Protein backbone atom coordinates (compact mmCIF):
# COMPACT_ATOMS: atom_id res chain seq x y z
CA UNK A 1 -85.95 70.09 138.67
CA UNK A 2 -82.92 68.24 137.11
CA UNK A 3 -82.97 64.41 137.15
CA UNK A 4 -79.88 62.25 137.18
CA UNK A 5 -80.02 59.43 134.89
CA UNK A 6 -77.98 56.39 136.08
CA UNK A 7 -76.45 53.43 134.23
CA UNK A 8 -79.32 50.95 134.21
CA UNK A 9 -79.23 47.22 135.02
CA UNK A 10 -80.55 45.71 131.69
CA UNK A 11 -80.00 41.95 132.51
CA UNK A 12 -79.72 39.80 135.50
CA UNK A 13 -76.01 39.33 135.12
CA UNK A 14 -75.02 42.84 134.01
CA UNK A 15 -72.37 44.51 136.29
CA UNK A 16 -71.38 47.45 134.01
CA UNK A 17 -72.41 48.80 130.57
CA UNK A 18 -70.78 50.55 127.56
CA UNK A 19 -72.56 53.40 125.80
CA UNK A 20 -72.54 52.13 122.18
CA UNK A 21 -74.24 55.30 120.86
CA UNK A 22 -75.89 58.40 121.96
CA UNK A 23 -79.06 59.49 120.28
CA UNK A 24 -79.02 62.90 121.81
CA UNK A 25 -76.31 65.47 122.44
CA UNK A 26 -76.04 68.03 125.20
CA UNK A 27 -78.47 70.97 124.67
CA UNK A 28 -81.15 68.54 122.97
CA UNK A 29 -84.67 68.40 124.15
CA UNK A 30 -85.64 65.11 125.42
CA UNK A 31 -89.12 63.60 125.92
CA UNK A 32 -90.13 60.54 128.11
CA UNK A 33 -90.15 57.55 126.05
CA UNK A 34 -87.55 58.70 123.44
CA UNK A 35 -84.43 56.58 122.89
CA UNK A 36 -81.57 58.35 124.86
CA UNK A 37 -78.76 55.99 124.16
CA UNK A 38 -77.72 52.41 123.12
CA UNK A 39 -76.12 50.46 125.98
CA UNK A 40 -74.02 47.38 125.39
CA UNK A 41 -74.43 44.84 128.22
CA UNK A 42 -72.78 41.55 128.63
CA UNK A 43 -75.10 39.93 126.21
CA UNK A 44 -76.59 42.48 123.77
CA UNK A 45 -76.91 46.05 122.69
CA UNK A 46 -80.20 47.52 123.95
CA UNK A 47 -81.99 50.78 123.39
CA UNK A 48 -82.34 52.86 126.65
CA UNK A 49 -85.34 55.18 126.76
CA UNK A 50 -85.51 58.32 128.89
CA UNK A 51 -87.86 58.44 131.73
CA UNK A 52 -88.01 62.25 131.80
CA UNK A 53 -88.87 65.45 129.86
CA UNK A 54 -86.40 68.20 129.59
CA UNK A 55 -83.09 69.23 128.08
CA UNK A 56 -79.93 66.90 128.04
CA UNK A 57 -77.67 68.96 130.31
CA UNK A 58 -74.81 66.57 130.74
CA UNK A 59 -73.42 63.41 129.36
CA UNK A 60 -71.49 61.39 131.94
CA UNK A 61 -70.26 58.46 129.81
CA UNK A 62 -68.99 59.09 126.31
CA UNK A 63 -69.62 56.73 123.39
CA UNK A 64 -67.34 53.67 123.42
CA UNK A 65 -66.70 54.04 127.23
CA UNK A 66 -68.23 52.02 130.04
CA UNK A 67 -69.15 52.37 133.74
CA UNK A 68 -70.67 50.22 136.47
CA UNK A 69 -74.40 50.11 137.10
CA UNK A 70 -75.72 53.22 138.95
CA UNK A 71 -72.87 55.45 137.65
CA UNK A 72 -74.11 58.87 136.25
CA UNK A 73 -75.04 58.41 132.69
CA UNK A 74 -76.66 61.78 132.10
CA UNK A 75 -78.49 64.79 133.70
CA UNK A 76 -81.85 65.89 132.30
CA UNK A 77 -83.55 69.12 133.44
CA UNK A 78 -84.32 72.80 132.69
CA UNK A 79 -81.86 74.65 130.36
CA UNK A 80 -80.60 77.08 133.02
CA UNK A 81 -79.93 74.58 135.89
CA UNK A 82 -76.42 74.34 137.41
CA UNK A 83 -75.13 70.98 136.40
CA UNK A 84 -71.93 71.19 138.49
CA UNK A 85 -73.80 71.69 141.70
CA UNK A 86 -76.07 68.78 140.90
CA UNK A 87 -73.05 66.48 140.30
CA UNK A 88 -71.34 67.64 143.34
CA UNK A 89 -74.38 66.69 145.30
CA UNK A 90 -74.18 63.24 143.80
CA UNK A 91 -70.44 63.07 144.26
CA UNK A 92 -70.17 61.94 140.65
CA UNK A 93 -68.35 62.90 137.55
CA UNK A 94 -66.59 61.50 134.50
CA UNK A 95 -63.92 59.89 136.35
CA UNK A 96 -66.21 56.89 136.96
CA UNK A 97 -65.86 55.94 133.27
CA UNK A 98 -63.69 53.06 132.01
CA UNK A 99 -62.18 53.19 128.52
CA UNK A 100 -62.35 49.99 126.43
CA UNK A 101 -59.77 51.32 124.01
CA UNK A 102 -57.03 48.93 123.10
CA UNK A 103 -53.48 49.45 124.52
CA UNK A 104 -50.48 48.19 122.57
CA UNK A 105 -47.51 47.15 124.49
CA UNK A 106 -44.09 46.08 123.48
CA UNK A 107 -40.91 44.59 125.08
CA UNK A 108 -38.67 47.08 123.31
CA UNK A 109 -38.49 50.95 123.42
CA UNK A 110 -38.34 51.01 119.58
CA UNK A 111 -41.58 49.25 119.13
CA UNK A 112 -43.28 51.20 121.99
CA UNK A 113 -42.82 54.42 120.03
CA UNK A 114 -45.20 53.26 117.37
CA UNK A 115 -48.35 51.82 119.07
CA UNK A 116 -50.90 53.41 116.92
CA UNK A 117 -49.42 52.01 113.60
CA UNK A 118 -49.23 48.45 114.93
CA UNK A 119 -52.62 48.73 116.60
CA UNK A 120 -54.42 49.53 113.45
CA UNK A 121 -53.28 46.24 111.99
CA UNK A 122 -54.29 44.11 114.86
CA UNK A 123 -56.82 45.77 117.23
CA UNK A 124 -59.78 45.18 115.07
CA UNK A 125 -59.05 41.69 114.24
CA UNK A 126 -59.89 38.27 116.03
CA UNK A 127 -57.13 35.74 116.53
CA UNK A 128 -58.06 33.98 113.28
CA UNK A 129 -57.56 37.23 111.46
CA UNK A 130 -61.24 38.09 110.86
CA UNK A 131 -61.98 41.83 111.08
CA UNK A 132 -64.22 42.87 114.01
CA UNK A 133 -66.72 45.17 112.46
CA UNK A 134 -70.44 46.01 113.02
CA UNK A 135 -72.81 45.14 110.18
CA UNK A 136 -73.64 48.71 109.64
CA UNK A 137 -70.03 49.76 109.45
CA UNK A 138 -69.29 47.02 107.01
CA UNK A 139 -72.23 48.13 104.85
CA UNK A 140 -71.09 51.76 104.89
CA UNK A 141 -67.52 50.91 104.12
CA UNK A 142 -68.53 48.68 101.11
CA UNK A 143 -70.74 51.64 99.76
CA UNK A 144 -67.85 53.97 100.06
CA UNK A 145 -65.29 51.66 98.79
CA UNK A 146 -63.23 51.80 101.95
CA UNK A 147 -60.84 48.92 102.76
CA UNK A 148 -61.55 47.73 106.31
CA UNK A 149 -57.95 46.75 106.86
CA UNK A 150 -57.13 50.48 106.75
CA UNK A 151 -59.34 51.33 109.63
CA UNK A 152 -58.72 51.46 113.37
CA UNK A 153 -61.73 50.48 115.46
CA UNK A 154 -62.84 52.65 118.38
CA UNK A 155 -65.60 50.30 119.67
CA UNK A 156 -65.42 47.53 122.32
CA UNK A 157 -62.10 45.53 121.90
CA UNK A 158 -61.11 47.56 118.76
CA UNK A 159 -64.38 46.78 116.82
CA UNK A 160 -64.87 48.96 113.83
CA UNK A 161 -68.16 50.93 114.18
CA UNK A 162 -70.07 53.40 112.10
CA UNK A 163 -68.25 56.47 113.21
CA UNK A 164 -64.87 54.96 112.28
CA UNK A 165 -65.95 54.57 108.65
CA UNK A 166 -67.71 58.07 108.46
CA UNK A 167 -64.66 59.84 110.02
CA UNK A 168 -62.16 57.97 107.82
CA UNK A 169 -59.57 59.97 105.80
CA UNK A 170 -56.98 58.16 103.66
CA UNK A 171 -54.36 60.86 104.37
CA UNK A 172 -54.90 60.43 108.26
CA UNK A 173 -54.81 56.59 108.29
CA UNK A 174 -51.83 55.14 110.07
CA UNK A 175 -49.26 53.12 108.10
CA UNK A 176 -49.67 49.33 108.58
CA UNK A 177 -46.63 47.56 109.85
CA UNK A 178 -45.79 43.96 110.17
CA UNK A 179 -45.80 42.30 113.64
CA UNK A 180 -43.05 40.12 114.84
CA UNK A 181 -40.05 42.05 113.24
CA UNK A 182 -36.84 40.00 113.83
CA UNK A 183 -35.29 40.83 117.06
CA UNK A 184 -38.38 42.56 118.58
CA UNK A 185 -40.85 40.94 120.91
CA UNK A 186 -44.23 42.37 120.83
CA UNK A 187 -47.87 41.79 122.00
CA UNK A 188 -51.32 43.33 122.26
CA UNK A 189 -53.52 43.54 125.35
CA UNK A 190 -57.23 44.31 124.88
CA UNK A 191 -59.73 45.03 127.62
CA UNK A 192 -62.05 42.32 128.55
CA UNK A 193 -65.56 42.73 127.03
CA UNK A 194 -68.71 42.85 129.23
CA UNK A 195 -69.70 39.44 127.69
CA UNK A 196 -66.35 37.87 128.16
CA UNK A 197 -66.33 39.08 131.87
CA UNK A 198 -69.75 37.52 132.51
CA UNK A 199 -68.78 34.22 130.82
CA UNK A 200 -65.59 34.00 132.88
CA UNK A 201 -67.43 34.76 136.16
CA UNK A 202 -70.35 32.46 135.57
CA UNK A 203 -68.46 29.48 134.33
CA UNK A 204 -65.78 29.79 136.97
CA UNK A 205 -68.46 29.77 139.63
CA UNK A 206 -70.10 26.67 137.86
CA UNK A 207 -66.88 24.73 137.52
CA UNK A 208 -65.54 25.38 141.04
CA UNK A 209 -68.83 25.12 142.89
CA UNK A 210 -70.75 22.23 141.06
CA UNK A 211 -69.01 18.90 141.32
CA UNK A 212 -68.99 17.86 137.65
CA UNK A 213 -68.99 14.42 136.24
CA UNK A 214 -69.16 13.24 132.72
CA UNK A 215 -71.06 10.47 130.85
CA UNK A 216 -70.29 9.65 127.34
CA UNK A 217 -72.27 7.77 124.63
CA UNK A 218 -72.03 7.04 120.89
CA UNK A 219 -75.10 7.54 118.73
CA UNK A 220 -75.42 6.06 115.21
CA UNK A 221 -77.09 8.84 113.13
CA UNK A 222 -77.53 6.86 109.95
CA UNK A 223 -81.34 6.86 110.26
CA UNK A 224 -81.42 10.41 111.41
CA UNK A 225 -79.50 11.43 108.33
CA UNK A 226 -82.15 9.68 106.08
CA UNK A 227 -84.98 11.16 108.21
CA UNK A 228 -83.51 14.73 107.88
CA UNK A 229 -83.53 14.45 104.13
CA UNK A 230 -87.20 13.38 104.07
CA UNK A 231 -88.24 16.13 106.51
CA UNK A 232 -86.43 18.87 104.61
CA UNK A 233 -88.30 17.93 101.47
CA UNK A 234 -91.59 19.16 103.11
CA UNK A 235 -90.43 21.42 106.01
CA UNK A 236 -90.97 25.09 105.48
CA UNK A 237 -87.58 25.78 106.92
CA UNK A 238 -84.37 23.75 106.73
CA UNK A 239 -83.95 21.41 109.80
CA UNK A 240 -80.47 20.89 111.07
CA UNK A 241 -78.95 17.96 112.99
CA UNK A 242 -78.86 20.35 116.00
CA UNK A 243 -82.57 20.95 115.70
CA UNK A 244 -83.10 17.32 115.83
CA UNK A 245 -80.99 17.02 118.93
CA UNK A 246 -82.89 19.81 120.60
CA UNK A 247 -86.13 18.04 119.77
CA UNK A 248 -84.86 14.66 121.05
CA UNK A 249 -83.52 16.15 124.23
CA UNK A 250 -86.80 17.78 125.01
CA UNK A 251 -88.59 14.39 124.66
CA UNK A 252 -85.87 12.63 126.70
CA UNK A 253 -86.22 15.18 129.51
CA UNK A 254 -90.01 14.59 129.63
CA UNK A 255 -89.27 10.77 130.39
CA UNK A 256 -86.17 11.66 132.66
CA UNK A 257 -87.46 14.64 134.76
CA UNK A 258 -84.65 14.55 137.29
CA UNK A 259 -82.35 15.71 134.62
CA UNK A 260 -84.40 18.84 134.01
CA UNK A 261 -83.49 20.30 137.47
CA UNK A 262 -81.47 22.87 139.33
CA UNK A 263 -79.54 22.97 142.64
CA UNK A 264 -80.87 25.76 144.87
CA UNK A 265 -78.80 25.08 148.04
CA UNK A 266 -81.27 24.08 150.50
CA UNK A 267 -83.60 22.45 147.85
CA UNK A 268 -83.63 21.04 144.43
CA UNK A 269 -85.96 22.32 141.81
CA UNK A 270 -87.39 19.80 139.31
CA UNK A 271 -88.80 21.94 136.39
CA UNK A 272 -92.03 20.72 134.83
CA UNK A 273 -91.41 22.95 131.82
CA UNK A 274 -88.60 22.23 129.36
CA UNK A 275 -86.68 25.38 128.11
CA UNK A 276 -83.62 24.32 126.03
CA UNK A 277 -80.67 26.80 125.99
CA UNK A 278 -78.83 26.62 122.69
CA UNK A 279 -75.15 27.76 122.99
CA UNK A 280 -74.12 30.08 120.04
CA UNK A 281 -70.63 31.36 119.31
CA UNK A 282 -70.61 34.96 118.52
CA UNK A 283 -67.81 37.43 117.89
CA UNK A 284 -67.14 38.49 121.37
CA UNK A 285 -67.89 35.11 123.17
CA UNK A 286 -70.87 32.88 123.79
CA UNK A 287 -74.51 33.44 124.14
CA UNK A 288 -77.23 30.90 125.13
CA UNK A 289 -80.60 31.86 123.89
CA UNK A 290 -83.43 29.69 124.95
CA UNK A 291 -86.13 27.52 123.01
CA UNK A 292 -89.03 27.64 125.37
CA UNK A 293 -91.43 24.72 125.78
CA UNK A 294 -89.32 22.78 123.25
CA UNK A 295 -91.13 19.49 123.78
CA UNK A 296 -94.34 21.15 122.65
CA UNK A 297 -92.85 22.38 119.33
CA UNK A 298 -92.40 20.66 116.05
CA UNK A 299 -88.96 20.31 114.38
CA UNK A 300 -89.74 23.00 111.85
CA UNK A 301 -90.86 25.36 114.61
CA UNK A 302 -87.70 24.65 116.57
CA UNK A 303 -85.52 25.15 113.39
CA UNK A 304 -87.17 28.48 112.77
CA UNK A 305 -86.87 29.76 116.20
CA UNK A 306 -83.12 28.71 116.53
CA UNK A 307 -82.38 30.44 113.21
CA UNK A 308 -84.18 33.60 114.49
CA UNK A 309 -82.24 33.61 117.77
CA UNK A 310 -79.01 33.02 115.90
CA UNK A 311 -79.43 36.18 113.80
CA UNK A 312 -80.49 38.32 116.90
CA UNK A 313 -77.31 36.95 118.76
CA UNK A 314 -75.06 37.84 115.88
CA UNK A 315 -76.53 41.41 115.77
CA UNK A 316 -76.53 41.74 119.61
CA UNK A 317 -80.36 42.19 119.63
CA UNK A 318 -81.24 39.44 121.99
CA UNK A 319 -83.68 40.79 124.80
CA UNK A 320 -83.53 39.40 128.43
CA UNK A 321 -86.55 37.20 127.52
CA UNK A 322 -84.57 35.50 124.94
CA UNK A 323 -81.74 34.26 127.18
CA UNK A 324 -83.47 33.71 130.58
CA UNK A 325 -85.15 30.60 131.98
CA UNK A 326 -83.12 27.68 130.55
CA UNK A 327 -83.65 24.42 132.29
CA UNK A 328 -81.07 22.37 130.19
CA UNK A 329 -78.29 23.42 127.81
CA UNK A 330 -76.93 22.02 124.50
CA UNK A 331 -73.42 22.91 123.17
CA UNK A 332 -72.75 21.67 119.65
CA UNK A 333 -69.29 22.01 118.19
CA UNK A 334 -69.82 19.40 115.41
CA UNK A 335 -70.06 22.02 112.76
CA UNK A 336 -66.45 23.10 113.66
CA UNK A 337 -65.14 19.65 113.04
CA UNK A 338 -64.94 18.79 116.78
CA UNK A 339 -65.65 14.97 117.41
CA UNK A 340 -65.88 14.97 121.03
CA UNK A 341 -65.54 17.39 124.02
CA UNK A 342 -66.79 18.21 127.47
CA UNK A 343 -68.76 21.41 128.46
CA UNK A 344 -69.15 23.31 131.70
CA UNK A 345 -72.56 23.40 133.22
CA UNK A 346 -74.59 26.56 132.44
CA UNK A 347 -76.15 27.60 135.70
CA UNK A 348 -78.86 27.26 136.94
CA UNK A 349 -79.04 23.96 134.96
CA UNK A 350 -77.94 20.66 136.48
CA UNK A 351 -76.62 19.24 133.11
CA UNK A 352 -75.29 20.29 129.79
CA UNK A 353 -74.96 18.17 126.62
CA UNK A 354 -71.79 18.45 124.49
CA UNK A 355 -72.51 17.33 120.80
CA UNK A 356 -69.82 16.41 118.48
CA UNK A 357 -69.77 15.97 114.75
CA UNK A 358 -70.96 12.96 112.75
CA UNK A 359 -68.17 10.75 111.68
CA UNK A 360 -68.30 7.81 109.24
CA UNK A 361 -66.88 4.96 111.45
CA UNK A 362 -66.61 1.18 111.19
CA UNK A 363 -69.19 -0.45 113.51
CA UNK A 364 -70.32 -3.94 114.24
CA UNK A 365 -74.05 -4.57 113.38
CA UNK A 366 -75.60 -8.03 114.00
CA UNK A 367 -72.17 -9.55 114.25
CA UNK A 368 -71.11 -7.95 110.94
CA UNK A 369 -68.72 -5.17 110.27
CA UNK A 370 -70.47 -2.16 108.76
CA UNK A 371 -70.25 1.56 108.24
CA UNK A 372 -71.97 3.75 110.84
CA UNK A 373 -72.24 7.45 111.11
CA UNK A 374 -71.33 8.03 114.74
CA UNK A 375 -71.92 11.20 116.82
CA UNK A 376 -70.43 11.39 120.29
CA UNK A 377 -72.41 13.03 123.12
CA UNK A 378 -71.04 13.83 126.53
CA UNK A 379 -73.44 14.77 129.36
CA UNK A 380 -71.79 16.96 132.17
CA UNK A 381 -73.78 16.58 135.32
CA UNK A 382 -73.96 18.31 138.70
CA UNK A 383 -73.38 15.50 141.06
CA UNK A 384 -75.27 17.49 143.82
CA UNK A 385 -78.49 16.85 141.72
CA UNK A 386 -77.92 13.98 139.26
CA UNK A 387 -76.47 10.59 139.98
CA UNK A 388 -74.71 8.43 137.39
CA UNK A 389 -77.55 6.01 136.88
CA UNK A 390 -80.00 8.95 136.34
CA UNK A 391 -77.71 10.54 133.77
CA UNK A 392 -77.08 7.14 131.98
CA UNK A 393 -80.82 6.51 131.66
CA UNK A 394 -81.24 9.89 130.05
CA UNK A 395 -78.53 9.13 127.58
CA UNK A 396 -80.11 5.82 126.73
CA UNK A 397 -83.44 7.52 126.09
CA UNK A 398 -81.82 10.14 123.88
CA UNK A 399 -79.81 7.58 122.03
CA UNK A 400 -82.92 5.65 121.11
CA UNK A 401 -84.72 8.76 119.90
CA UNK A 402 -81.90 9.86 117.53
CA UNK A 403 -81.27 6.31 116.29
CA UNK A 404 -84.99 5.79 115.52
CA UNK A 405 -86.18 9.48 114.75
CA UNK A 406 -89.71 8.27 113.86
CA UNK A 407 -90.33 7.87 117.66
CA UNK A 408 -89.93 11.71 117.91
CA UNK A 409 -92.93 12.15 115.86
CA UNK A 410 -95.19 9.79 117.79
């Protein structure tokens, strides 16, 4: 008997998925446990295994297209079964699909007549001009000597993927034209990725439901800079300033447990374990993988784990266990030249710490003017859970740990 395979819910926040790749085609035999397709969720691209034995009779969502959870993904059954009758019983068909292909729009009829040529120059690039391409597609293009600028991506948000490189033909590539020709207004619109939809929804809910307030403090990182040099002389993995912040935060949370909490409506949860979410910028948005039990790990262990999570996040290989369970979040934009900023609380946490860059600044020490290496920290707090004095005490503890990093090792 035929079995209908539906779009699975692969994460707690997933509302719809995009089929990144099919590993089987219609007519192929399928065994239970075999990888049927790769599904892109709001946070990662994950392998989806078949639960059934049989023949793949029908594909309901084509590569590069998406559909909501429980939409018909495929039909698996015996070779001679009537697929149409099965689909009619389910009241499902390919009309449930959404297409993440980019649409080019223009304000003039002349430019509207050439959407493909303009799209090829812009659809697969970020606002900074960096080409959006999967690691595998980039590797194949390099091996074949293909200029990525000549390709038009068919993946999510115009991303260049493997099939775009393999199907590329120089004679068939569209001509690249310049945007912004005098007298013609033009623009591009791209569909919102699964990740960006989730970011928008979760942060909007957080910002408009949790009453935020902000506490700021300056930390002199001079001793931390010296300590980092000494640590990296013996550490098996390079320790970053962000790794030191993660460690210091985890210790400070142990001393200030009310910060390590969540608002649950009728009750407040005070977490006894400390799981630090580390915000990471990726091509499509932002991911927050979690360093679990951070207070129980050494600096080198934290550094190694953060680096590993960073690679997985970039390659969209994070699993649900990598991003679930945070009790506090850190967002660091210091490496991007940002001195100070505020961050929106990452649910279910009650607080998030925004970390700026280290800047050489004139400071007063013991009544004398001196040079300090100042890092600005901003703590965003949910006032339903955390009061000002509680947040201030946490920042004072954190400041003491970072300004005298030897205390983190005691």
